[in-house]
């Protein structure tokens, strides 16, 4: 059972890494930021378009890097739409914990569909050098939401 789940998660990562659904520069955007991981060469730029209420209406990205980095950016773009900046920040913190430890607070996060959608990336915790690959798009997104133009994987 565990090996089947691991295989499924690897397939999700490879699928999103090879065929990202949100990999595009947005024509209309309210914020953008670049992220760079100099240790492995991953680079990402994120664009955010907000709706009239200030929530994220659409997210796009361009990425050059490993499958983990691209898949993380793609899944991130998928799950942040409709969220406020505060919601995105909270989700980013939960994702960072997931990437670093492979787990989250199951009781409070069991209902969170977004975190479940990100769960295939939990396996990166077994490879500490890959955690930065998975979290780089999130650093870039948070920088964009804060009005900064660049982010680091640090």
C-alpha atoms as a PDB file:
ATOM      1  CA  UNK A   1       0.000   0.000   0.000  1.00  0.00           C
ATOM      2  CA  UNK A   2       2.744   2.472   0.975  1.00  0.00           C
ATOM      3  CA  UNK A   3       4.727   1.758  -2.193  1.00  0.00           C
ATOM      4  CA  UNK A   4       1.591   2.218  -4.301  1.00  0.00           C
ATOM      5  CA  UNK A   5       0.978   5.623  -2.695  1.00  0.00           C
ATOM      6  CA  UNK A   6       4.603   6.640  -3.187  1.00  0.00           C
ATOM      7  CA  UNK A   7       4.400   5.597  -6.847  1.00  0.00           C
ATOM      8  CA  UNK A   8       1.201   7.616  -7.281  1.00  0.00           C
ATOM      9  CA  UNK A   9       2.807  10.682  -5.712  1.00  0.00           C
ATOM     10  CA  UNK A  10       5.842  10.310  -7.988  1.00  0.00           C
ATOM     11  CA  UNK A  11       3.515  10.141 -10.998  1.00  0.00           C
ATOM     12  CA  UNK A  12       1.751  13.340  -9.891  1.00  0.00           C
ATOM     13  CA  UNK A  13       5.086  15.134  -9.558  1.00  0.00           C
ATOM     14  CA  UNK A  14       6.333  13.895 -12.918  1.00  0.00           C
ATOM     15  CA  UNK A  15       3.052  14.764 -14.634  1.00  0.00           C
ATOM     16  CA  UNK A  16       2.985  18.329 -13.294  1.00  0.00           C
ATOM     17  CA  UNK A  17       6.720  18.683 -13.881  1.00  0.00           C
ATOM     18  CA  UNK A  18       6.444  17.653 -17.534  1.00  0.00           C
ATOM     19  CA  UNK A  19       3.052  19.160 -18.357  1.00  0.00           C
ATOM     20  CA  UNK A  20       2.353  22.069 -16.026  1.00  0.00           C
ATOM     21  CA  UNK A  21      -1.152  23.471 -16.367  1.00  0.00           C
ATOM     22  CA  UNK A  22      -0.429  26.996 -15.118  1.00  0.00           C
ATOM     23  CA  UNK A  23       2.947  27.674 -16.755  1.00  0.00           C
ATOM     24  CA  UNK A  24       2.291  30.959 -18.466  1.00  0.00           C
ATOM     25  CA  UNK A  25       2.976  34.618 -18.029  1.00  0.00           C
ATOM     26  CA  UNK A  26      -0.240  36.406 -17.185  1.00  0.00           C
ATOM     27  CA  UNK A  27      -1.088  39.248 -19.548  1.00  0.00           C
ATOM     28  CA  UNK A  28      -2.844  41.135 -16.750  1.00  0.00           C
ATOM     29  CA  UNK A  29      -1.288  40.914 -13.312  1.00  0.00           C
ATOM     30  CA  UNK A  30      -1.085  42.860 -10.082  1.00  0.00           C
ATOM     31  CA  UNK A  31       2.106  41.410  -8.661  1.00  0.00           C
ATOM     32  CA  UNK A  32       5.122  39.436  -9.790  1.00  0.00           C
ATOM     33  CA  UNK A  33       8.357  38.183  -8.282  1.00  0.00           C
ATOM     34  CA  UNK A  34      11.292  36.007  -9.272  1.00  0.00           C
ATOM     35  CA  UNK A  35      12.774  33.232  -7.184  1.00  0.00           C
ATOM     36  CA  UNK A  36      16.241  31.757  -7.521  1.00  0.00           C
ATOM     37  CA  UNK A  37      17.918  28.755  -5.941  1.00  0.00           C
ATOM     38  CA  UNK A  38      21.615  29.232  -6.727  1.00  0.00           C
ATOM     39  CA  UNK A  39      22.537  25.862  -5.224  1.00  0.00           C
ATOM     40  CA  UNK A  40      20.757  23.856  -7.925  1.00  0.00           C
ATOM     41  CA  UNK A  41      19.879  26.413 -10.592  1.00  0.00           C
ATOM     42  CA  UNK A  42      16.102  26.406 -10.161  1.00  0.00           C
ATOM     43  CA  UNK A  43      14.477  29.683 -11.214  1.00  0.00           C
ATOM     44  CA  UNK A  44      10.850  30.709 -11.148  1.00  0.00           C
ATOM     45  CA  UNK A  45       8.819  33.814 -11.808  1.00  0.00           C
ATOM     46  CA  UNK A  46       5.294  34.061 -10.485  1.00  0.00           C
ATOM     47  CA  UNK A  47       2.506  36.383 -11.662  1.00  0.00           C
ATOM     48  CA  UNK A  48      -0.626  37.075  -9.631  1.00  0.00           C
ATOM     49  CA  UNK A  49      -3.883  38.664 -10.737  1.00  0.00           C
ATOM     50  CA  UNK A  50      -6.318  39.679  -8.005  1.00  0.00           C
ATOM     51  CA  UNK A  51     -10.079  39.962  -8.174  1.00  0.00           C
ATOM     52  CA  UNK A  52     -12.085  43.010  -7.064  1.00  0.00           C
ATOM     53  CA  UNK A  53     -12.051  41.726  -3.469  1.00  0.00           C
ATOM     54  CA  UNK A  54      -8.254  41.429  -3.423  1.00  0.00           C
ATOM     55  CA  UNK A  55      -8.247  37.639  -3.526  1.00  0.00           C
ATOM     56  CA  UNK A  56      -6.078  35.770  -5.973  1.00  0.00           C
ATOM     57  CA  UNK A  57      -8.047  35.289  -9.177  1.00  0.00           C
ATOM     58  CA  UNK A  58      -5.286  33.704 -11.241  1.00  0.00           C
ATOM     59  CA  UNK A  59      -1.683  32.664 -10.831  1.00  0.00           C
ATOM     60  CA  UNK A  60       0.809  31.896 -13.563  1.00  0.00           C
ATOM     61  CA  UNK A  61       4.476  31.062 -13.571  1.00  0.00           C
ATOM     62  CA  UNK A  62       7.514  30.365 -15.683  1.00  0.00           C
ATOM     63  CA  UNK A  63      10.061  27.970 -14.253  1.00  0.00           C
ATOM     64  CA  UNK A  64      13.358  26.475 -15.207  1.00  0.00           C
ATOM     65  CA  UNK A  65      14.477  23.684 -12.982  1.00  0.00           C
ATOM     66  CA  UNK A  66      13.847  20.201 -11.763  1.00  0.00           C
ATOM     67  CA  UNK A  67      10.516  18.366 -11.866  1.00  0.00           C
ATOM     68  CA  UNK A  68       9.983  19.027  -8.149  1.00  0.00           C
ATOM     69  CA  UNK A  69      10.321  22.783  -8.554  1.00  0.00           C
ATOM     70  CA  UNK A  70       8.055  22.930 -11.617  1.00  0.00           C
ATOM     71  CA  UNK A  71       5.465  20.577 -10.089  1.00  0.00           C
ATOM     72  CA  UNK A  72       5.442  22.583  -6.881  1.00  0.00           C
ATOM     73  CA  UNK A  73       4.877  25.828  -8.813  1.00  0.00           C
ATOM     74  CA  UNK A  74       2.081  24.244 -10.820  1.00  0.00           C
ATOM     75  CA  UNK A  75       0.300  22.734  -7.824  1.00  0.00           C
ATOM     76  CA  UNK A  76       0.752  25.992  -5.915  1.00  0.00           C
ATOM     77  CA  UNK A  77      -0.846  27.973  -8.755  1.00  0.00           C
ATOM     78  CA  UNK A  78      -3.735  25.537  -8.683  1.00  0.00           C
ATOM     79  CA  UNK A  79      -4.484  25.763  -4.961  1.00  0.00           C
ATOM     80  CA  UNK A  80      -4.029  29.470  -4.195  1.00  0.00           C
ATOM     81  CA  UNK A  81      -6.737  30.816  -6.478  1.00  0.00           C
ATOM     82  CA  UNK A  82      -9.627  32.304  -4.531  1.00  0.00           C
ATOM     83  CA  UNK A  83      -7.521  32.849  -1.425  1.00  0.00           C
ATOM     84  CA  UNK A  84      -6.629  36.029   0.438  1.00  0.00           C
ATOM     85  CA  UNK A  85      -3.026  36.976   1.164  1.00  0.00           C
ATOM     86  CA  UNK A  86      -3.465  35.803   4.749  1.00  0.00           C
ATOM     87  CA  UNK A  87      -4.830  32.439   3.593  1.00  0.00           C
ATOM     88  CA  UNK A  88      -1.908  32.028   1.178  1.00  0.00           C
ATOM     89  CA  UNK A  89       0.614  32.850   3.891  1.00  0.00           C
ATOM     90  CA  UNK A  90      -0.937  30.274   6.242  1.00  0.00           C
ATOM     91  CA  UNK A  91      -1.026  27.653   3.476  1.00  0.00           C
ATOM     92  CA  UNK A  92       2.607  28.405   2.583  1.00  0.00           C
ATOM     93  CA  UNK A  93       3.632  27.798   6.199  1.00  0.00           C
ATOM     94  CA  UNK A  94       1.763  24.483   6.266  1.00  0.00           C
ATOM     95  CA  UNK A  95       3.335  23.483   2.967  1.00  0.00           C
ATOM     96  CA  UNK A  96       6.808  24.388   4.233  1.00  0.00           C
ATOM     97  CA  UNK A  97       6.223  22.124   7.239  1.00  0.00           C
ATOM     98  CA  UNK A  98       4.963  19.358   4.937  1.00  0.00           C
ATOM     99  CA  UNK A  99       8.041  19.645   2.711  1.00  0.00           C
ATOM    100  CA  UNK A 100      10.438  19.682   5.683  1.00  0.00           C
ATOM    101  CA  UNK A 101       8.853  16.926   7.773  1.00  0.00           C
ATOM    102  CA  UNK A 102       6.572  14.946   5.463  1.00  0.00           C
ATOM    103  CA  UNK A 103       3.637  15.512   7.818  1.00  0.00           C
ATOM    104  CA  UNK A 104       1.219  18.175   8.954  1.00  0.00           C
ATOM    105  CA  UNK A 105      -1.109  18.568  11.883  1.00  0.00           C
ATOM    106  CA  UNK A 106      -3.559  15.914  10.709  1.00  0.00           C
ATOM    107  CA  UNK A 107      -6.369  17.026  12.987  1.00  0.00           C
ATOM    108  CA  UNK A 108      -6.498  20.651  11.842  1.00  0.00           C
ATOM    109  CA  UNK A 109      -5.456  20.012   8.241  1.00  0.00           C
ATOM    110  CA  UNK A 110      -7.611  16.983   7.430  1.00  0.00           C
ATOM    111  CA  UNK A 111     -10.304  19.209   5.937  1.00  0.00           C
ATOM    112  CA  UNK A 112      -7.906  21.294   3.846  1.00  0.00           C
ATOM    113  CA  UNK A 113      -8.268  20.176   0.232  1.00  0.00           C
ATOM    114  CA  UNK A 114      -5.402  22.420  -0.857  1.00  0.00           C
ATOM    115  CA  UNK A 115      -2.971  20.738   1.504  1.00  0.00           C
ATOM    116  CA  UNK A 116      -4.143  17.329   0.327  1.00  0.00           C
ATOM    117  CA  UNK A 117      -3.502  18.411  -3.263  1.00  0.00           C
ATOM    118  CA  UNK A 118       0.064  19.354  -2.240  1.00  0.00           C
ATOM    119  CA  UNK A 119       0.700  16.086  -0.362  1.00  0.00           C
ATOM    120  CA  UNK A 120       2.556  14.404  -3.275  1.00  0.00           C
ATOM    121  CA  UNK A 121       5.437  16.766  -2.483  1.00  0.00           C
ATOM    122  CA  UNK A 122       5.701  15.511   1.115  1.00  0.00           C
ATOM    123  CA  UNK A 123       8.336  12.984   0.067  1.00  0.00           C
ATOM    124  CA  UNK A 124      10.931  15.706  -0.497  1.00  0.00           C
ATOM    125  CA  UNK A 125      11.553  15.739   3.255  1.00  0.00           C
ATOM    126  CA  UNK A 126      13.619  12.589   2.719  1.00  0.00           C
ATOM    127  CA  UNK A 127      16.010  14.643   0.574  1.00  0.00           C
ATOM    128  CA  UNK A 128      16.837  17.861   2.483  1.00  0.00           C
ATOM    129  CA  UNK A 129      18.539  19.473  -0.504  1.00  0.00           C
ATOM    130  CA  UNK A 130      15.277  19.117  -2.486  1.00  0.00           C
ATOM    131  CA  UNK A 131      13.130  20.929   0.085  1.00  0.00           C
ATOM    132  CA  UNK A 132      14.376  24.229  -1.347  1.00  0.00           C
ATOM    133  CA  UNK A 133      13.301  23.091  -4.817  1.00  0.00           C
ATOM    134  CA  UNK A 134       9.755  22.524  -3.564  1.00  0.00           C
ATOM    135  CA  UNK A 135       9.506  25.723  -1.527  1.00  0.00           C
ATOM    136  CA  UNK A 136      11.095  28.139  -4.030  1.00  0.00           C
ATOM    137  CA  UNK A 137       7.829  28.916  -5.896  1.00  0.00           C
ATOM    138  CA  UNK A 138       6.158  29.654  -2.571  1.00  0.00           C
ATOM    139  CA  UNK A 139       8.945  32.080  -1.610  1.00  0.00           C
ATOM    140  CA  UNK A 140       8.427  33.851  -4.941  1.00  0.00           C
ATOM    141  CA  UNK A 141       4.652  33.983  -4.462  1.00  0.00           C
ATOM    142  CA  UNK A 142       4.956  35.418  -0.959  1.00  0.00           C
ATOM    143  CA  UNK A 143       7.468  38.003  -2.215  1.00  0.00           C
ATOM    144  CA  UNK A 144       5.031  39.043  -4.950  1.00  0.00           C
ATOM    145  CA  UNK A 145       2.190  39.377  -2.459  1.00  0.00           C
ATOM    146  CA  UNK A 146       4.432  41.526  -0.252  1.00  0.00           C
ATOM    147  CA  UNK A 147       5.362  43.791  -3.167  1.00  0.00           C
ATOM    148  CA  UNK A 148       8.931  42.538  -3.431  1.00  0.00           C
ATOM    149  CA  UNK A 149      10.353  41.619  -6.836  1.00  0.00           C
ATOM    150  CA  UNK A 150      12.709  38.831  -5.810  1.00  0.00           C
ATOM    151  CA  UNK A 151      12.915  35.915  -3.416  1.00  0.00           C
ATOM    152  CA  UNK A 152      15.547  33.416  -2.456  1.00  0.00           C
ATOM    153  CA  UNK A 153      15.203  29.778  -1.534  1.00  0.00           C
ATOM    154  CA  UNK A 154      16.782  30.612   1.824  1.00  0.00           C
END
